C-alpha atoms as a PDB file:
ATOM      1  CA  MET A   1      12.661  -9.638   0.876  1.00  0.00           C
ATOM      2  CA  HIS A   2       9.924  -8.387   3.285  1.00  0.00           C
ATOM      3  CA  GLU A   3       7.244  -8.429   0.760  1.00  0.00           C
ATOM      4  CA  LEU A   4       7.192 -11.545   0.969  1.00  0.00           C
ATOM      5  CA  SER A   5       6.285 -11.602   4.420  1.00  0.00           C
ATOM      6  CA  ILE A   6       4.021  -8.876   4.127  1.00  0.00           C
ATOM      7  CA  ALA A   7       2.497 -10.766   1.296  1.00  0.00           C
ATOM      8  CA  ILE A   8       1.609 -14.117   3.167  1.00  0.00           C
ATOM      9  CA  SER A   9       0.223 -11.416   6.405  1.00  0.00           C
ATOM     10  CA  MET A  10      -2.292  -9.863   4.577  1.00  0.00           C
ATOM     11  CA  ILE A  11      -3.812 -13.008   2.647  1.00  0.00           C
ATOM     12  CA  ASP A  12      -3.736 -14.869   6.466  1.00  0.00           C
ATOM     13  CA  GLN A  13      -6.044 -11.305   7.377  1.00  0.00           C
ATOM     14  CA  ILE A  14      -7.759 -11.477   4.596  1.00  0.00           C
ATOM     15  CA  SER A  15      -8.816 -15.305   4.064  1.00  0.00           C
ATOM     16  CA  GLU A  16      -9.408 -14.937   8.239  1.00  0.00           C
ATOM     17  CA  GLU A  17     -11.767 -12.358   7.042  1.00  0.00           C
ATOM     18  CA  SER A  18     -13.646 -14.486   4.414  1.00  0.00           C
ATOM     19  CA  ALA A  19     -14.002 -17.149   6.726  1.00  0.00           C
ATOM     20  CA  ASN A  20     -15.548 -15.123   9.260  1.00  0.00           C
ATOM     21  CA  ARG A  21     -18.101 -13.602   6.499  1.00  0.00           C
ATOM     22  CA  GLY A  22     -19.030 -17.555   5.309  1.00  0.00           C
ATOM     23  CA  GLY A  23     -16.335 -17.907   2.669  1.00  0.00           C
ATOM     24  CA  LEU A  24     -16.464 -15.298   0.134  1.00  0.00           C
ATOM     25  CA  ASP A  25     -14.780 -16.209  -3.213  1.00  0.00           C
ATOM     26  CA  VAL A  26     -11.929 -13.261  -2.825  1.00  0.00           C
ATOM     27  CA  GLN A  27     -11.173 -12.087  -6.738  1.00  0.00           C
ATOM     28  CA  ALA A  28      -9.648  -9.046  -6.444  1.00  0.00           C
ATOM     29  CA  VAL A  29      -8.012  -7.598  -2.914  1.00  0.00           C
ATOM     30  CA  HIS A  30      -7.190  -3.535  -3.339  1.00  0.00           C
ATOM     31  CA  MET A  31      -4.820  -1.445  -1.893  1.00  0.00           C
ATOM     32  CA  ARG A  32      -3.198   1.992  -1.092  1.00  0.00           C
ATOM     33  CA  LEU A  33       0.116   1.759  -1.036  1.00  0.00           C
ATOM     34  CA  GLY A  34       2.493   5.296  -0.152  1.00  0.00           C
ATOM     35  CA  VAL A  35       5.586   5.847  -2.061  1.00  0.00           C
ATOM     36  CA  PHE A  36       7.306   6.177   1.239  1.00  0.00           C
ATOM     37  CA  ALA A  37       5.816   3.292   2.637  1.00  0.00           C
ATOM     38  CA  GLY A  38       9.466   0.763   2.093  1.00  0.00           C
ATOM     39  CA  VAL A  39       7.961  -1.687  -0.116  1.00  0.00           C
ATOM     40  CA  ASP A  40       8.631  -2.093  -3.506  1.00  0.00           C
ATOM     41  CA  LYS A  41       5.334  -2.113  -5.740  1.00  0.00           C
ATOM     42  CA  ASN A  42       6.774  -4.688  -7.962  1.00  0.00           C
ATOM     43  CA  ALA A  43       8.107  -7.222  -5.596  1.00  0.00           C
ATOM     44  CA  LEU A  44       5.276  -6.910  -3.440  1.00  0.00           C
ATOM     45  CA  LEU A  45       3.178  -7.451  -6.854  1.00  0.00           C
ATOM     46  CA  PHE A  46       5.129 -10.867  -7.213  1.00  0.00           C
ATOM     47  CA  ALA A  47       5.546 -11.731  -3.745  1.00  0.00           C
ATOM     48  CA  TYR A  48       2.061 -12.354  -3.737  1.00  0.00           C
ATOM     49  CA  SER A  49       1.389 -14.393  -6.645  1.00  0.00           C
ATOM     50  CA  LEU A  50       3.441 -16.511  -5.038  1.00  0.00           C
ATOM     51  CA  ALA A  51       2.117 -16.442  -1.463  1.00  0.00           C
ATOM     52  CA  CYS A  52      -1.328 -17.290  -2.921  1.00  0.00           C
ATOM     53  CA  GLU A  53      -0.448 -20.596  -4.003  1.00  0.00           C
ATOM     54  CA  GLY A  54      -3.002 -23.149  -2.329  1.00  0.00           C
ATOM     55  CA  THR A  55      -4.308 -21.193  -0.080  1.00  0.00           C
ATOM     56  CA  PRO A  56      -8.512 -19.789  -0.406  1.00  0.00           C
ATOM     57  CA  LEU A  57      -6.821 -16.624  -2.676  1.00  0.00           C
ATOM     58  CA  GLN A  58      -5.447 -17.974  -5.145  1.00  0.00           C
ATOM     59  CA  GLY A  59      -6.239 -16.635  -8.825  1.00  0.00           C
ATOM     60  CA  SER A  60      -7.102 -13.437  -6.730  1.00  0.00           C
ATOM     61  CA  ARG A  61      -5.054  -9.911  -8.238  1.00  0.00           C
ATOM     62  CA  LEU A  62      -3.513  -7.447  -6.544  1.00  0.00           C
ATOM     63  CA  VAL A  63      -4.616  -3.851  -7.663  1.00  0.00           C
ATOM     64  CA  ILE A  64      -2.489  -1.541  -6.114  1.00  0.00           C
ATOM     65  CA  GLU A  65      -3.036   2.582  -5.701  1.00  0.00           C
ATOM     66  CA  THR A  66       0.685   4.321  -5.641  1.00  0.00           C
ATOM     67  CA  VAL A  67      -0.261   7.225  -2.906  1.00  0.00           C
ATOM     68  CA  PRO A  68       2.402  10.200  -3.531  1.00  0.00           C
ATOM     69  CA  LEU A  69       3.689  11.651  -1.013  1.00  0.00           C
ATOM     70  CA  LEU A  70       2.421  14.958   0.326  1.00  0.00           C
ATOM     71  CA  VAL A  71       4.258  17.200   2.770  1.00  0.00           C
ATOM     72  CA  TYR A  72       3.155  20.445   4.962  1.00  0.00           C
ATOM     73  CA  CYS A  73       5.489  23.331   5.120  1.00  0.00           C
ATOM     74  CA  PRO A  74       5.918  24.984   8.378  1.00  0.00           C
ATOM     75  CA  VAL A  75       6.558  28.436   6.128  1.00  0.00           C
ATOM     76  CA  CYS A  76       4.380  28.531   3.385  1.00  0.00           C
ATOM     77  CA  ARG A  77       1.489  27.055   5.061  1.00  0.00           C
ATOM     78  CA  HIS A  78       1.006  24.956   2.238  1.00  0.00           C
ATOM     79  CA  GLU A  79       1.185  21.364   1.311  1.00  0.00           C
ATOM     80  CA  CYS A  80       3.162  20.139  -1.343  1.00  0.00           C
ATOM     81  CA  THR A  81       5.127  17.360  -3.071  1.00  0.00           C
ATOM     82  CA  PRO A  82       8.899  17.334  -2.224  1.00  0.00           C
ATOM     83  CA  PRO A  83      11.223  17.079  -5.004  1.00  0.00           C
ATOM     84  CA  SER A  84      11.735  13.284  -4.379  1.00  0.00           C
ATOM     85  CA  VAL A  85      11.443  10.558  -1.472  1.00  0.00           C
ATOM     86  CA  TYR A  86      15.065  11.090  -0.456  1.00  0.00           C
ATOM     87  CA  GLN A  87      14.797  15.195  -0.578  1.00  0.00           C
ATOM     88  CA  ILE A  88      11.978  16.013   1.579  1.00  0.00           C
ATOM     89  CA  TYR A  89      11.543  19.641   1.772  1.00  0.00           C
ATOM     90  CA  CYS A  90       9.245  22.204   0.514  1.00  0.00           C
ATOM     91  CA  PRO A  91      10.244  23.120  -3.668  1.00  0.00           C
ATOM     92  CA  GLU A  92       8.771  26.883  -3.114  1.00  0.00           C
ATOM     93  CA  CYS A  93      11.164  28.271  -0.468  1.00  0.00           C
ATOM     94  CA  PHE A  94      13.644  24.826   0.589  1.00  0.00           C
ATOM     95  CA  THR A  95      12.864  24.218   3.974  1.00  0.00           C
ATOM     96  CA  PRO A  96      12.951  21.232   5.316  1.00  0.00           C
ATOM     97  CA  THR A  97       9.364  20.058   5.854  1.00  0.00           C
ATOM     98  CA  PRO A  98       9.047  17.092   9.107  1.00  0.00           C
ATOM     99  CA  GLU A  99       5.146  16.597   8.476  1.00  0.00           C
ATOM    100  CA  ILE A 100       4.676  13.870   6.019  1.00  0.00           C
ATOM    101  CA  LEU A 101       0.660  13.708   5.147  1.00  0.00           C
ATOM    102  CA  THR A 102       0.508  11.535   3.205  1.00  0.00           C
ATOM    103  CA  GLY A 103       2.824   8.701   1.465  1.00  0.00           C
ATOM    104  CA  ARG A 104       3.460   5.941   4.271  1.00  0.00           C
ATOM    105  CA  GLU A 105      -0.383   4.516   3.673  1.00  0.00           C
ATOM    106  CA  MET A 106      -0.068   0.644   3.389  1.00  0.00           C
ATOM    107  CA  GLU A 107      -3.142  -0.816   3.710  1.00  0.00           C
ATOM    108  CA  VAL A 108      -6.406  -2.854   1.929  1.00  0.00           C
ATOM    109  CA  ALA A 109      -8.308  -0.938   1.111  1.00  0.00           C
ATOM    110  CA  LEU A 110     -11.150  -2.610  -0.536  1.00  0.00           C
ATOM    111  CA  LEU A 111     -11.848  -6.878  -1.262  1.00  0.00           C
ATOM    112  CA  GLU A 112     -13.952  -7.374  -4.748  1.00  0.00           C
ATOM    113  CA  VAL A 113     -15.373 -10.432  -4.019  1.00  0.00           C
ATOM    114  CA  ALA A 114     -17.930 -12.788  -6.570  1.00  0.00           C
ATOM    115  CA  VAL A 115     -21.315 -12.685  -5.938  1.00  0.00           C
END
């Protein structure tokens, strides 16, 4: 379950940033997670709540925005959503589409802090 190591890494980095800014009281962590990132959303939510215990982020929420898979078709020359993450081809012309535009994201986008 690599989601636990991801959660621990996030918490360490956020705690360090919070301390550098005078000990912010982080209420929520907003994250962008692509469907092609190889991370299970529910497992990450569980791992985050578990890993927060005993840290400055204990009691904070993890809010995950799911980023869809979007590819560029070199034949049709347009952006499209493939049928699934296992079948990455243009749904219009059925050409395999190696250029992924979105869906791999795994980033902390925003921290909600108490004032």
